């Protein structure tokens, strides 16, 4: 009986060391996240917070939108944000400030901004969105990451251009800064 137990133990150790055992799931770099898009435009704020929430939840990262926890009726101090996070069991702040925004309409494209898309049957003008963000991730009052990111997108309409820009931006932030993938 001792030999069987000893052989089973040796096999278990060998399987684990050689990689036959199930690999441990990669844990996210940050968890329990408050998404705070610091924008004057409430539509853009809501849209980007929704995109970020979608990608974070898809990766099983607990997240909450600031619009649900921090109504835009007043200015919030750092102490206010800390209390809101603590009350809701959140320990990481993803803060995104909109530094600049330029949205070009279809009419502007016709006027000469060189935004054209070739279709099989001819040319079509586009709308574009260019935005620059300051992205900061603070984990337990310590800044873990901060970067200025400029994004550009061109689509058939302004709504599509902004939506695609926010979608790509959200996907890349979650992938790079929360999962550690390039």
C-alpha atoms as a PDB file:
ATOM      1  CA  UNK A   1       0.000   0.000   0.000  1.00  0.00           C
ATOM      2  CA  UNK A   2       2.834   2.387   0.819  1.00  0.00           C
ATOM      3  CA  UNK A   3       4.388   1.733  -2.596  1.00  0.00           C
ATOM      4  CA  UNK A   4       1.152   2.641  -4.391  1.00  0.00           C
ATOM      5  CA  UNK A   5       0.814   5.903  -2.450  1.00  0.00           C
ATOM      6  CA  UNK A   6       4.483   6.726  -3.055  1.00  0.00           C
ATOM      7  CA  UNK A   7       4.178   6.010  -6.796  1.00  0.00           C
ATOM      8  CA  UNK A   8       1.004   8.117  -7.023  1.00  0.00           C
ATOM      9  CA  UNK A   9       2.724  11.002  -5.227  1.00  0.00           C
ATOM     10  CA  UNK A  10       5.757  10.792  -7.524  1.00  0.00           C
ATOM     11  CA  UNK A  11       3.509  10.745 -10.607  1.00  0.00           C
ATOM     12  CA  UNK A  12       1.565  13.746  -9.335  1.00  0.00           C
ATOM     13  CA  UNK A  13       4.752  15.728  -8.717  1.00  0.00           C
ATOM     14  CA  UNK A  14       6.179  14.764 -12.108  1.00  0.00           C
ATOM     15  CA  UNK A  15       2.984  15.734 -13.932  1.00  0.00           C
ATOM     16  CA  UNK A  16       2.863  19.089 -12.171  1.00  0.00           C
ATOM     17  CA  UNK A  17       6.541  19.845 -12.827  1.00  0.00           C
ATOM     18  CA  UNK A  18       6.410  18.759 -16.474  1.00  0.00           C
ATOM     19  CA  UNK A  19       3.280  20.785 -17.229  1.00  0.00           C
ATOM     20  CA  UNK A  20       0.706  17.998 -17.581  1.00  0.00           C
ATOM     21  CA  UNK A  21      -1.390  19.381 -14.768  1.00  0.00           C
ATOM     22  CA  UNK A  22      -3.963  22.023 -15.665  1.00  0.00           C
ATOM     23  CA  UNK A  23      -2.299  25.430 -15.920  1.00  0.00           C
ATOM     24  CA  UNK A  24      -3.316  28.059 -13.397  1.00  0.00           C
ATOM     25  CA  UNK A  25      -5.593  30.704 -14.849  1.00  0.00           C
ATOM     26  CA  UNK A  26      -3.858  34.031 -15.344  1.00  0.00           C
ATOM     27  CA  UNK A  27      -5.189  36.446 -12.784  1.00  0.00           C
ATOM     28  CA  UNK A  28      -5.861  40.000 -13.962  1.00  0.00           C
ATOM     29  CA  UNK A  29      -3.319  42.640 -12.966  1.00  0.00           C
ATOM     30  CA  UNK A  30      -6.081  44.705 -11.309  1.00  0.00           C
ATOM     31  CA  UNK A  31      -9.485  43.702  -9.985  1.00  0.00           C
ATOM     32  CA  UNK A  32     -12.499  45.448  -8.464  1.00  0.00           C
ATOM     33  CA  UNK A  33     -12.323  48.491 -10.727  1.00  0.00           C
ATOM     34  CA  UNK A  34     -14.173  51.812 -10.668  1.00  0.00           C
ATOM     35  CA  UNK A  35     -14.379  53.149 -14.231  1.00  0.00           C
ATOM     36  CA  UNK A  36     -14.338  56.953 -14.126  1.00  0.00           C
ATOM     37  CA  UNK A  37     -14.436  58.778 -17.454  1.00  0.00           C
ATOM     38  CA  UNK A  38     -13.872  62.417 -16.580  1.00  0.00           C
ATOM     39  CA  UNK A  39     -15.694  63.986 -19.556  1.00  0.00           C
ATOM     40  CA  UNK A  40     -17.901  67.052 -19.836  1.00  0.00           C
ATOM     41  CA  UNK A  41     -19.953  65.325 -22.547  1.00  0.00           C
ATOM     42  CA  UNK A  42     -22.238  62.909 -20.681  1.00  0.00           C
ATOM     43  CA  UNK A  43     -23.053  60.923 -23.842  1.00  0.00           C
ATOM     44  CA  UNK A  44     -19.369  60.213 -24.491  1.00  0.00           C
ATOM     45  CA  UNK A  45     -18.836  59.428 -20.805  1.00  0.00           C
ATOM     46  CA  UNK A  46     -21.709  56.943 -20.745  1.00  0.00           C
ATOM     47  CA  UNK A  47     -20.666  55.362 -24.033  1.00  0.00           C
ATOM     48  CA  UNK A  48     -17.019  54.811 -23.027  1.00  0.00           C
ATOM     49  CA  UNK A  49     -17.861  53.602 -19.516  1.00  0.00           C
ATOM     50  CA  UNK A  50     -20.260  51.054 -21.044  1.00  0.00           C
ATOM     51  CA  UNK A  51     -17.577  49.805 -23.472  1.00  0.00           C
ATOM     52  CA  UNK A  52     -14.963  49.469 -20.726  1.00  0.00           C
ATOM     53  CA  UNK A  53     -17.431  47.683 -18.442  1.00  0.00           C
ATOM     54  CA  UNK A  54     -18.284  45.236 -21.242  1.00  0.00           C
ATOM     55  CA  UNK A  55     -14.635  44.280 -21.819  1.00  0.00           C
ATOM     56  CA  UNK A  56     -13.730  44.106 -18.124  1.00  0.00           C
ATOM     57  CA  UNK A  57     -16.720  41.885 -17.291  1.00  0.00           C
ATOM     58  CA  UNK A  58     -15.926  39.646 -20.285  1.00  0.00           C
ATOM     59  CA  UNK A  59     -12.569  38.958 -18.606  1.00  0.00           C
ATOM     60  CA  UNK A  60     -14.241  38.289 -15.219  1.00  0.00           C
ATOM     61  CA  UNK A  61     -12.949  41.523 -13.689  1.00  0.00           C
ATOM     62  CA  UNK A  62     -15.316  43.117 -11.176  1.00  0.00           C
ATOM     63  CA  UNK A  63     -16.100  46.644 -12.332  1.00  0.00           C
ATOM     64  CA  UNK A  64     -18.559  49.486 -11.788  1.00  0.00           C
ATOM     65  CA  UNK A  65     -19.317  52.637 -13.761  1.00  0.00           C
ATOM     66  CA  UNK A  66     -18.861  55.994 -12.065  1.00  0.00           C
ATOM     67  CA  UNK A  67     -22.098  57.277 -13.579  1.00  0.00           C
ATOM     68  CA  UNK A  68     -23.989  54.778 -11.414  1.00  0.00           C
ATOM     69  CA  UNK A  69     -22.026  55.510  -8.235  1.00  0.00           C
ATOM     70  CA  UNK A  70     -21.119  59.184  -8.737  1.00  0.00           C
ATOM     71  CA  UNK A  71     -23.935  61.193 -10.321  1.00  0.00           C
ATOM     72  CA  UNK A  72     -22.553  64.247 -12.151  1.00  0.00           C
ATOM     73  CA  UNK A  73     -24.412  66.646  -9.868  1.00  0.00           C
ATOM     74  CA  UNK A  74     -21.327  67.749  -7.951  1.00  0.00           C
ATOM     75  CA  UNK A  75     -17.539  67.799  -7.987  1.00  0.00           C
ATOM     76  CA  UNK A  76     -15.942  64.862  -6.190  1.00  0.00           C
ATOM     77  CA  UNK A  77     -12.787  65.169  -4.119  1.00  0.00           C
ATOM     78  CA  UNK A  78     -10.220  62.383  -3.866  1.00  0.00           C
ATOM     79  CA  UNK A  79     -11.598  61.600  -0.400  1.00  0.00           C
ATOM     80  CA  UNK A  80     -15.139  61.313  -1.853  1.00  0.00           C
ATOM     81  CA  UNK A  81     -13.932  58.917  -4.558  1.00  0.00           C
ATOM     82  CA  UNK A  82     -11.992  56.849  -1.988  1.00  0.00           C
ATOM     83  CA  UNK A  83     -15.097  56.544   0.212  1.00  0.00           C
ATOM     84  CA  UNK A  84     -17.309  55.555  -2.731  1.00  0.00           C
ATOM     85  CA  UNK A  85     -14.780  52.913  -3.773  1.00  0.00           C
ATOM     86  CA  UNK A  86     -14.471  51.573  -0.226  1.00  0.00           C
ATOM     87  CA  UNK A  87     -18.254  51.468   0.251  1.00  0.00           C
ATOM     88  CA  UNK A  88     -18.601  49.434  -2.965  1.00  0.00           C
ATOM     89  CA  UNK A  89     -15.695  47.044  -2.419  1.00  0.00           C
ATOM     90  CA  UNK A  90     -13.568  48.510  -5.220  1.00  0.00           C
ATOM     91  CA  UNK A  91      -9.809  48.913  -4.928  1.00  0.00           C
ATOM     92  CA  UNK A  92      -8.630  50.104  -8.373  1.00  0.00           C
ATOM     93  CA  UNK A  93      -9.513  53.374 -10.089  1.00  0.00           C
ATOM     94  CA  UNK A  94      -9.418  53.534 -13.890  1.00  0.00           C
ATOM     95  CA  UNK A  95      -9.608  57.273 -14.571  1.00  0.00           C
ATOM     96  CA  UNK A  96      -9.783  58.536 -18.134  1.00  0.00           C
ATOM     97  CA  UNK A  97      -9.663  62.245 -18.891  1.00  0.00           C
ATOM     98  CA  UNK A  98     -10.559  63.514 -22.331  1.00  0.00           C
ATOM     99  CA  UNK A  99      -7.752  65.928 -23.250  1.00  0.00           C
ATOM    100  CA  UNK A 100      -8.868  66.805 -26.757  1.00  0.00           C
ATOM    101  CA  UNK A 101     -11.541  65.797 -29.205  1.00  0.00           C
ATOM    102  CA  UNK A 102     -12.021  66.549 -32.885  1.00  0.00           C
ATOM    103  CA  UNK A 103     -14.943  65.091 -34.762  1.00  0.00           C
ATOM    104  CA  UNK A 104     -15.125  65.680 -38.500  1.00  0.00           C
ATOM    105  CA  UNK A 105     -18.528  65.361 -40.118  1.00  0.00           C
ATOM    106  CA  UNK A 106     -19.306  64.038 -43.554  1.00  0.00           C
ATOM    107  CA  UNK A 107     -19.799  67.637 -44.753  1.00  0.00           C
ATOM    108  CA  UNK A 108     -16.291  68.565 -43.566  1.00  0.00           C
ATOM    109  CA  UNK A 109     -14.914  65.607 -45.505  1.00  0.00           C
ATOM    110  CA  UNK A 110     -16.550  66.864 -48.687  1.00  0.00           C
ATOM    111  CA  UNK A 111     -14.994  70.276 -48.014  1.00  0.00           C
ATOM    112  CA  UNK A 112     -11.508  68.813 -48.400  1.00  0.00           C
ATOM    113  CA  UNK A 113     -10.222  66.950 -45.369  1.00  0.00           C
ATOM    114  CA  UNK A 114      -9.126  64.025 -47.590  1.00  0.00           C
ATOM    115  CA  UNK A 115     -11.318  61.457 -45.870  1.00  0.00           C
ATOM    116  CA  UNK A 116     -12.568  59.156 -48.581  1.00  0.00           C
ATOM    117  CA  UNK A 117     -13.361  55.487 -48.762  1.00  0.00           C
ATOM    118  CA  UNK A 118     -13.391  53.505 -51.990  1.00  0.00           C
ATOM    119  CA  UNK A 119     -16.416  51.342 -52.644  1.00  0.00           C
ATOM    120  CA  UNK A 120     -16.821  48.975 -55.581  1.00  0.00           C
ATOM    121  CA  UNK A 121     -19.153  51.477 -57.220  1.00  0.00           C
ATOM    122  CA  UNK A 122     -17.307  54.701 -56.388  1.00  0.00           C
ATOM    123  CA  UNK A 123     -16.167  57.094 -53.663  1.00  0.00           C
ATOM    124  CA  UNK A 124     -17.863  57.774 -50.364  1.00  0.00           C
ATOM    125  CA  UNK A 125     -17.005  60.487 -47.866  1.00  0.00           C
ATOM    126  CA  UNK A 126     -16.328  59.606 -44.257  1.00  0.00           C
ATOM    127  CA  UNK A 127     -16.619  61.049 -40.812  1.00  0.00           C
ATOM    128  CA  UNK A 128     -13.701  60.851 -38.406  1.00  0.00           C
ATOM    129  CA  UNK A 129     -13.048  61.082 -34.707  1.00  0.00           C
ATOM    130  CA  UNK A 130      -9.708  61.951 -33.128  1.00  0.00           C
ATOM    131  CA  UNK A 131      -9.424  61.974 -29.352  1.00  0.00           C
ATOM    132  CA  UNK A 132      -6.591  62.188 -26.893  1.00  0.00           C
ATOM    133  CA  UNK A 133      -6.949  60.643 -23.450  1.00  0.00           C
ATOM    134  CA  UNK A 134      -4.979  60.684 -20.227  1.00  0.00           C
ATOM    135  CA  UNK A 135      -5.368  57.180 -18.797  1.00  0.00           C
ATOM    136  CA  UNK A 136      -4.492  56.536 -15.169  1.00  0.00           C
ATOM    137  CA  UNK A 137      -4.827  53.349 -13.151  1.00  0.00           C
ATOM    138  CA  UNK A 138      -4.458  53.871  -9.412  1.00  0.00           C
ATOM    139  CA  UNK A 139      -4.363  50.786  -7.232  1.00  0.00           C
ATOM    140  CA  UNK A 140      -4.641  51.403  -3.480  1.00  0.00           C
ATOM    141  CA  UNK A 141      -3.744  55.115  -3.784  1.00  0.00           C
ATOM    142  CA  UNK A 142      -0.636  54.357  -5.844  1.00  0.00           C
ATOM    143  CA  UNK A 143      -0.506  55.107  -9.559  1.00  0.00           C
ATOM    144  CA  UNK A 144       0.243  51.813 -11.273  1.00  0.00           C
ATOM    145  CA  UNK A 145       0.022  53.163 -14.823  1.00  0.00           C
ATOM    146  CA  UNK A 146      -0.424  56.508 -16.566  1.00  0.00           C
ATOM    147  CA  UNK A 147      -0.191  57.342 -20.256  1.00  0.00           C
ATOM    148  CA  UNK A 148      -1.499  59.807 -22.813  1.00  0.00           C
ATOM    149  CA  UNK A 149      -3.114  57.969 -25.718  1.00  0.00           C
ATOM    150  CA  UNK A 150      -4.260  59.454 -29.021  1.00  0.00           C
ATOM    151  CA  UNK A 151      -6.813  57.528 -31.079  1.00  0.00           C
ATOM    152  CA  UNK A 152      -8.188  58.102 -34.554  1.00  0.00           C
ATOM    153  CA  UNK A 153     -10.988  56.379 -36.389  1.00  0.00           C
ATOM    154  CA  UNK A 154     -12.835  56.975 -39.659  1.00  0.00           C
ATOM    155  CA  UNK A 155     -16.205  55.488 -40.534  1.00  0.00           C
ATOM    156  CA  UNK A 156     -19.279  56.343 -42.585  1.00  0.00           C
ATOM    157  CA  UNK A 157     -20.914  58.441 -39.858  1.00  0.00           C
ATOM    158  CA  UNK A 158     -19.754  60.394 -36.817  1.00  0.00           C
ATOM    159  CA  UNK A 159     -21.640  58.007 -34.519  1.00  0.00           C
ATOM    160  CA  UNK A 160     -19.905  54.983 -36.062  1.00  0.00           C
ATOM    161  CA  UNK A 161     -16.479  56.665 -35.912  1.00  0.00           C
ATOM    162  CA  UNK A 162     -16.818  57.532 -32.204  1.00  0.00           C
ATOM    163  CA  UNK A 163     -18.284  54.108 -31.390  1.00  0.00           C
ATOM    164  CA  UNK A 164     -15.436  52.303 -33.173  1.00  0.00           C
ATOM    165  CA  UNK A 165     -12.822  54.548 -31.519  1.00  0.00           C
ATOM    166  CA  UNK A 166     -14.234  53.837 -28.035  1.00  0.00           C
ATOM    167  CA  UNK A 167     -14.525  50.124 -28.807  1.00  0.00           C
ATOM    168  CA  UNK A 168     -10.892  49.777 -29.963  1.00  0.00           C
ATOM    169  CA  UNK A 169      -9.622  51.962 -27.124  1.00  0.00           C
ATOM    170  CA  UNK A 170     -11.527  49.918 -24.489  1.00  0.00           C
ATOM    171  CA  UNK A 171     -10.409  46.591 -25.908  1.00  0.00           C
ATOM    172  CA  UNK A 172      -6.752  47.663 -25.949  1.00  0.00           C
ATOM    173  CA  UNK A 173      -6.787  49.171 -22.432  1.00  0.00           C
ATOM    174  CA  UNK A 174      -8.313  46.023 -20.923  1.00  0.00           C
ATOM    175  CA  UNK A 175      -6.005  43.744 -22.870  1.00  0.00           C
ATOM    176  CA  UNK A 176      -2.779  45.653 -22.137  1.00  0.00           C
ATOM    177  CA  UNK A 177      -3.332  47.138 -18.696  1.00  0.00           C
ATOM    178  CA  UNK A 178      -5.573  44.562 -17.035  1.00  0.00           C
ATOM    179  CA  UNK A 179      -4.413  41.323 -18.647  1.00  0.00           C
ATOM    180  CA  UNK A 180      -0.789  42.274 -19.402  1.00  0.00           C
ATOM    181  CA  UNK A 181      -0.984  41.298 -23.075  1.00  0.00           C
ATOM    182  CA  UNK A 182       0.554  43.221 -25.943  1.00  0.00           C
END
